[in-house]
């Protein structure tokens, strides 16, 4: 079956799923990141979402997941693609009513902290970070990973000067020698490697239980009122991921994805090589939305409470995971 045939079948099934267009939002705005190449961007740029949903889909880029939360709270954004779990947890712990709808991407090797090379600090001498200045995008996946790494190495947070910087700002400060370590992801992290080294690899972080994944998220009210539309959106995302999984499609997809991400094809390919896009079946399993995702959120919240980053954690984040639209998309 060709992709065109597959997409025609998808569009037909989505039309049956959504029913009357009047029951759906007539226009939606979706948040995403630049320099964060993902298969959905092929669908975005080739009109797959607009065709399948039957409505105009507007796209707006953000620098951090915390900014995505603010935009959803203001009603400016209905869906956020690839929002980090830590900023999602920060928002929901503070009372914002949001839900995780899918696992957008897992990326242990594409979110980390980099120490300035001239300091010659590695995992065996991490204690020497005491007294150093660190750029961290607070409330993000990188922030959570930073906290867990400092906990692992026994470096007191009180001994560090922590400044809140978006990844691109942190990368610039690191290259200029204004900070001793910077944390981030995507293109900014890739450029940080020109100035230093990581303390732990992605595999080493995963072995320690420092998971890194993003989700498609939305306000609970939007999902409740537009569950069919949310399911249709997730179905297109899943179709794009399935396309990318077939290497025969990558030659035509990569140029489109790279251009939309604001990257060269080589850099986009290098970044994509560090990403994993779980199948819908995998996402619905116990390993992800079936149970572990909510448990992981609780763990993230508890770490943030212990570090003083948030005031309190929820007793449970189960209500902040809604697998129904993804099940419908399946």
Protein backbone atom coordinates (compact mmCIF):
# COMPACT_ATOMS: atom_id res chain seq x y z
CA UNK A 1 0.00 0.00 0.00
CA UNK A 2 1.41 3.40 -0.99
CA UNK A 3 1.50 6.29 1.44
CA UNK A 4 -1.11 8.14 -0.62
CA UNK A 5 -3.43 5.16 -0.28
CA UNK A 6 -2.70 4.91 3.42
CA UNK A 7 -3.44 8.58 3.95
CA UNK A 8 -6.70 8.35 1.98
CA UNK A 9 -7.75 5.53 4.28
CA UNK A 10 -6.72 7.62 7.29
CA UNK A 11 -8.69 10.63 6.07
CA UNK A 12 -11.78 8.47 5.55
CA UNK A 13 -11.53 6.93 9.01
CA UNK A 14 -10.97 10.33 10.60
CA UNK A 15 -14.02 11.73 8.81
CA UNK A 16 -16.10 8.88 10.21
CA UNK A 17 -14.55 9.44 13.63
CA UNK A 18 -15.19 13.18 13.75
CA UNK A 19 -18.74 13.13 12.42
CA UNK A 20 -20.35 16.55 12.21
CA UNK A 21 -17.77 19.32 11.97
CA UNK A 22 -20.01 21.56 14.09
CA UNK A 23 -19.10 19.46 17.12
CA UNK A 24 -15.43 20.38 16.72
CA UNK A 25 -13.44 23.54 17.21
CA UNK A 26 -13.53 25.36 13.86
CA UNK A 27 -9.89 26.48 14.10
CA UNK A 28 -7.11 25.39 16.43
CA UNK A 29 -3.63 26.56 17.31
CA UNK A 30 -0.88 24.05 18.02
CA UNK A 31 2.41 24.73 19.81
CA UNK A 32 5.72 23.16 18.80
CA UNK A 33 9.49 23.71 19.05
CA UNK A 34 11.94 24.88 16.40
CA UNK A 35 15.22 22.94 16.07
CA UNK A 36 13.30 19.90 17.31
CA UNK A 37 12.75 17.84 14.14
CA UNK A 38 9.94 15.29 14.25
CA UNK A 39 7.87 13.36 11.67
CA UNK A 40 4.73 15.36 12.49
CA UNK A 41 6.35 18.32 10.73
CA UNK A 42 6.07 16.52 7.41
CA UNK A 43 2.34 16.17 8.06
CA UNK A 44 2.21 19.81 9.17
CA UNK A 45 3.87 21.13 6.02
CA UNK A 46 2.02 18.89 3.56
CA UNK A 47 -1.43 19.78 4.91
CA UNK A 48 -2.24 16.38 6.40
CA UNK A 49 -3.62 17.83 9.62
CA UNK A 50 -5.86 20.40 7.89
CA UNK A 51 -7.20 17.77 5.51
CA UNK A 52 -7.87 15.14 8.15
CA UNK A 53 -9.39 17.51 10.72
CA UNK A 54 -11.30 19.57 8.19
CA UNK A 55 -10.36 22.79 9.99
CA UNK A 56 -7.57 25.34 9.81
CA UNK A 57 -4.62 24.35 12.00
CA UNK A 58 -2.40 27.26 13.06
CA UNK A 59 1.11 26.56 14.33
CA UNK A 60 3.20 28.67 16.70
CA UNK A 61 6.71 27.92 17.97
CA UNK A 62 7.88 28.28 21.58
CA UNK A 63 11.26 28.18 23.34
CA UNK A 64 10.17 26.18 26.40
CA UNK A 65 7.45 23.88 27.66
CA UNK A 66 6.64 26.36 30.42
CA UNK A 67 5.72 28.92 27.76
CA UNK A 68 3.45 26.30 26.18
CA UNK A 69 1.67 25.84 29.51
CA UNK A 70 1.13 29.59 29.79
CA UNK A 71 -0.28 29.76 26.27
CA UNK A 72 -2.70 26.90 26.98
CA UNK A 73 -3.77 28.59 30.22
CA UNK A 74 -4.49 31.78 28.28
CA UNK A 75 -6.57 29.87 25.76
CA UNK A 76 -4.20 30.83 22.93
CA UNK A 77 -3.15 27.22 22.24
CA UNK A 78 -5.32 24.10 22.13
CA UNK A 79 -2.63 21.44 21.68
CA UNK A 80 1.09 21.34 22.42
CA UNK A 81 3.23 18.85 20.52
CA UNK A 82 6.27 17.53 22.36
CA UNK A 83 5.81 19.40 25.64
CA UNK A 84 8.29 18.13 28.21
CA UNK A 85 6.86 16.21 31.14
CA UNK A 86 8.57 18.37 33.80
CA UNK A 87 6.96 21.66 32.64
CA UNK A 88 3.68 19.77 32.35
CA UNK A 89 4.10 18.58 35.94
CA UNK A 90 4.97 22.08 37.15
CA UNK A 91 1.79 23.45 35.60
CA UNK A 92 -0.54 20.69 36.79
CA UNK A 93 0.95 20.73 40.28
CA UNK A 94 0.06 24.42 40.44
CA UNK A 95 -3.55 23.62 39.53
CA UNK A 96 -3.61 23.98 35.74
CA UNK A 97 -5.97 21.37 34.29
CA UNK A 98 -3.99 19.70 31.49
CA UNK A 99 -3.83 16.18 30.08
CA UNK A 100 -1.19 14.07 28.37
CA UNK A 101 -2.66 12.57 25.20
CA UNK A 102 0.28 10.66 23.72
CA UNK A 103 4.01 10.00 24.01
CA UNK A 104 5.42 12.32 21.37
CA UNK A 105 9.06 11.27 21.61
CA UNK A 106 11.61 9.64 23.92
CA UNK A 107 15.07 11.20 23.81
CA UNK A 108 17.53 10.30 26.55
CA UNK A 109 20.47 11.41 24.37
CA UNK A 110 18.95 14.73 23.35
CA UNK A 111 18.48 16.42 26.71
CA UNK A 112 21.49 16.97 28.95
CA UNK A 113 23.86 19.32 30.73
CA UNK A 114 27.27 20.29 29.35
CA UNK A 115 30.26 21.36 31.48
CA UNK A 116 32.72 23.89 30.06
CA UNK A 117 35.69 22.02 28.60
CA UNK A 118 38.45 24.05 30.25
CA UNK A 119 37.16 23.01 33.70
CA UNK A 120 38.03 19.37 32.89
CA UNK A 121 35.18 18.08 35.06
CA UNK A 122 33.67 14.69 34.27
CA UNK A 123 31.59 12.09 36.12
CA UNK A 124 34.59 11.14 38.24
CA UNK A 125 35.19 14.71 39.41
CA UNK A 126 31.63 16.08 39.42
CA UNK A 127 32.07 17.26 43.02
CA UNK A 128 34.19 20.09 41.62
CA UNK A 129 31.01 21.71 40.33
CA UNK A 130 30.43 23.16 43.80
CA UNK A 131 30.59 26.93 43.60
CA UNK A 132 30.02 26.97 39.85
CA UNK A 133 27.42 28.90 37.81
CA UNK A 134 24.86 26.84 35.90
CA UNK A 135 22.35 27.88 33.23
CA UNK A 136 19.14 25.84 33.55
CA UNK A 137 15.74 26.35 31.86
CA UNK A 138 13.70 26.06 35.05
CA UNK A 139 10.64 23.83 35.12
CA UNK A 140 11.66 21.86 32.03
CA UNK A 141 12.87 18.32 31.26
CA UNK A 142 16.43 19.67 31.33
CA UNK A 143 15.81 21.08 34.82
CA UNK A 144 14.57 17.72 36.08
CA UNK A 145 17.56 15.93 34.54
CA UNK A 146 19.92 18.47 36.10
CA UNK A 147 18.39 17.97 39.55
CA UNK A 148 18.62 14.18 39.28
CA UNK A 149 22.23 14.32 38.10
CA UNK A 150 23.25 16.62 40.94
CA UNK A 151 21.47 14.28 43.37
CA UNK A 152 23.34 11.31 41.88
CA UNK A 153 26.71 13.04 42.18
CA UNK A 154 25.99 14.43 45.65
CA UNK A 155 26.39 18.06 44.57
CA UNK A 156 24.38 20.36 46.84
CA UNK A 157 22.13 22.78 44.98
CA UNK A 158 22.95 25.39 47.60
CA UNK A 159 26.57 25.25 46.45
CA UNK A 160 25.63 26.27 42.89
CA UNK A 161 24.61 29.57 41.34
CA UNK A 162 21.64 28.56 39.20
CA UNK A 163 20.36 31.00 36.59
CA UNK A 164 17.17 30.51 34.57
CA UNK A 165 18.05 30.53 30.86
CA UNK A 166 16.36 29.05 27.80
CA UNK A 167 18.65 26.51 26.06
CA UNK A 168 19.77 28.92 23.32
CA UNK A 169 20.67 31.55 25.93
CA UNK A 170 22.50 28.96 28.02
CA UNK A 171 24.48 27.79 24.99
CA UNK A 172 25.57 31.33 24.22
CA UNK A 173 26.59 31.94 27.85
CA UNK A 174 28.54 28.67 27.92
CA UNK A 175 30.43 29.50 24.72
CA UNK A 176 31.30 32.94 26.11
CA UNK A 177 32.49 31.49 29.41
CA UNK A 178 29.76 33.32 31.36
CA UNK A 179 28.53 30.06 32.92
CA UNK A 180 30.34 26.88 33.88
CA UNK A 181 27.61 24.46 32.86
CA UNK A 182 24.46 24.77 30.75
CA UNK A 183 21.50 22.44 30.30
CA UNK A 184 19.20 22.12 27.32
CA UNK A 185 18.07 20.09 24.34
CA UNK A 186 17.89 20.01 20.57
CA UNK A 187 19.97 22.37 18.47
CA UNK A 188 21.16 24.35 21.49
CA UNK A 189 22.47 21.17 23.14
CA UNK A 190 24.20 20.12 19.93
CA UNK A 191 26.03 23.46 19.84
CA UNK A 192 26.91 23.18 23.54
CA UNK A 193 29.08 20.18 22.66
CA UNK A 194 31.45 22.62 20.93
CA UNK A 195 32.16 24.14 24.35
CA UNK A 196 32.28 21.16 26.68
CA UNK A 197 31.26 17.68 27.73
CA UNK A 198 28.40 15.85 29.44
CA UNK A 199 28.69 14.13 32.81
CA UNK A 200 26.41 11.20 31.90
CA UNK A 201 25.39 9.72 28.57
CA UNK A 202 21.77 9.07 27.68
CA UNK A 203 22.19 5.37 28.41
CA UNK A 204 23.76 6.12 31.79
CA UNK A 205 20.90 8.48 32.67
CA UNK A 206 18.29 5.92 31.67
CA UNK A 207 20.01 3.26 33.78
CA UNK A 208 19.65 5.63 36.75
CA UNK A 209 15.93 6.09 36.06
CA UNK A 210 16.30 9.59 34.59
CA UNK A 211 13.73 9.21 31.82
CA UNK A 212 13.30 11.89 29.19
CA UNK A 213 10.17 12.04 27.07
CA UNK A 214 7.70 14.58 25.71
CA UNK A 215 3.97 14.35 25.16
CA UNK A 216 1.20 15.91 23.16
CA UNK A 217 -0.76 17.82 25.79
CA UNK A 218 -3.96 19.84 25.92
CA UNK A 219 -6.30 21.60 28.35
CA UNK A 220 -8.77 19.11 29.81
CA UNK A 221 -11.66 21.35 28.77
CA UNK A 222 -10.56 21.30 25.13
CA UNK A 223 -10.32 17.49 25.09
CA UNK A 224 -13.71 17.10 26.77
CA UNK A 225 -15.39 19.34 24.20
CA UNK A 226 -13.40 18.15 21.17
CA UNK A 227 -12.40 14.55 21.86
CA UNK A 228 -12.97 13.48 18.25
CA UNK A 229 -10.83 16.32 16.96
CA UNK A 230 -8.06 15.43 19.40
CA UNK A 231 -8.25 11.81 18.25
CA UNK A 232 -8.05 12.90 14.61
CA UNK A 233 -4.97 15.01 15.35
CA UNK A 234 -3.26 12.10 17.11
CA UNK A 235 -4.12 9.78 14.22
CA UNK A 236 -2.26 12.04 11.79
CA UNK A 237 0.73 12.21 14.12
CA UNK A 238 0.77 8.42 14.37
CA UNK A 239 0.58 8.12 10.58
CA UNK A 240 3.56 10.46 10.18
CA UNK A 241 5.54 8.48 12.76
CA UNK A 242 4.72 5.25 10.92
CA UNK A 243 5.90 6.84 7.69
CA UNK A 244 9.21 7.81 9.27
CA UNK A 245 9.66 4.31 10.70
CA UNK A 246 9.77 3.05 7.10
CA UNK A 247 13.24 4.12 5.95
CA UNK A 248 12.05 4.17 2.34
CA UNK A 249 10.14 7.38 3.15
CA UNK A 250 12.95 9.28 4.83
CA UNK A 251 14.53 10.75 1.71
CA UNK A 252 11.35 12.69 0.89
CA UNK A 253 10.45 13.49 4.50
CA UNK A 254 13.80 14.75 5.82
CA UNK A 255 14.11 17.90 3.64
CA UNK A 256 10.59 18.99 4.63
CA UNK A 257 11.16 18.29 8.32
CA UNK A 258 14.56 20.01 8.37
CA UNK A 259 13.25 23.14 6.66
CA UNK A 260 10.33 23.45 9.04
CA UNK A 261 12.61 22.89 12.04
CA UNK A 262 14.98 25.60 10.84
CA UNK A 263 17.90 23.18 10.52
CA UNK A 264 20.22 21.75 7.91
CA UNK A 265 19.34 18.27 6.71
CA UNK A 266 22.50 16.85 8.30
CA UNK A 267 21.73 18.40 11.69
CA UNK A 268 18.09 17.31 11.53
CA UNK A 269 19.11 13.74 10.64
CA UNK A 270 21.64 13.72 13.48
CA UNK A 271 19.00 14.87 15.96
CA UNK A 272 16.36 12.44 14.69
CA UNK A 273 18.82 9.60 15.14
CA UNK A 274 18.66 10.21 18.91
CA UNK A 275 14.84 10.14 18.99
CA UNK A 276 12.45 7.24 19.48
CA UNK A 277 8.79 7.46 18.46
CA UNK A 278 6.81 4.70 20.23
CA UNK A 279 4.01 3.04 18.28
CA UNK A 280 0.43 3.65 19.35
CA UNK A 281 0.32 0.12 20.77
CA UNK A 282 3.43 0.77 22.84
CA UNK A 283 2.09 4.12 24.05
CA UNK A 284 -1.11 2.52 25.28
CA UNK A 285 0.78 -0.16 27.21
CA UNK A 286 1.61 -0.18 30.91
CA UNK A 287 5.10 1.09 30.08
CA UNK A 288 3.68 4.43 29.03
CA UNK A 289 0.11 5.77 29.24
CA UNK A 290 -1.19 2.57 30.82
CA UNK A 291 0.38 3.43 34.16
CA UNK A 292 4.08 4.31 34.18
CA UNK A 293 3.61 7.82 32.76
CA UNK A 294 1.48 8.95 35.72
CA UNK A 295 3.88 7.31 38.18
CA UNK A 296 6.82 9.04 36.52
CA UNK A 297 5.04 12.40 36.79
CA UNK A 298 4.63 11.86 40.50
CA UNK A 299 8.35 11.14 40.78
CA UNK A 300 9.22 14.32 38.86
CA UNK A 301 6.92 16.36 41.10
CA UNK A 302 8.44 14.92 44.27
CA UNK A 303 11.94 15.81 43.03
CA UNK A 304 10.82 19.38 42.31
CA UNK A 305 9.24 19.67 45.77
CA UNK A 306 12.40 18.39 47.45
CA UNK A 307 14.50 20.91 45.52
CA UNK A 308 12.13 23.77 46.39
CA UNK A 309 11.18 24.30 42.75
CA UNK A 310 7.45 23.86 43.41
CA UNK A 311 5.43 24.15 46.60
CA UNK A 312 3.62 20.82 46.52
CA UNK A 313 2.92 17.75 44.41
CA UNK A 314 -0.44 16.20 43.67
CA UNK A 315 -1.26 12.92 45.38
CA UNK A 316 -1.62 11.36 41.92
CA UNK A 317 -1.31 12.44 38.29
CA UNK A 318 -3.55 9.70 36.91
CA UNK A 319 -6.26 12.22 36.01
CA UNK A 320 -3.71 14.12 33.95
CA UNK A 321 -3.29 11.20 31.54
CA UNK A 322 -6.07 10.62 29.03
CA UNK A 323 -5.48 7.73 26.64
CA UNK A 324 -9.03 7.73 25.26
CA UNK A 325 -8.35 9.95 22.20
CA UNK A 326 -5.29 7.87 21.28
CA UNK A 327 -7.29 4.68 21.67
CA UNK A 328 -9.94 6.16 19.38
CA UNK A 329 -7.21 7.13 16.89
CA UNK A 330 -5.96 3.56 16.92
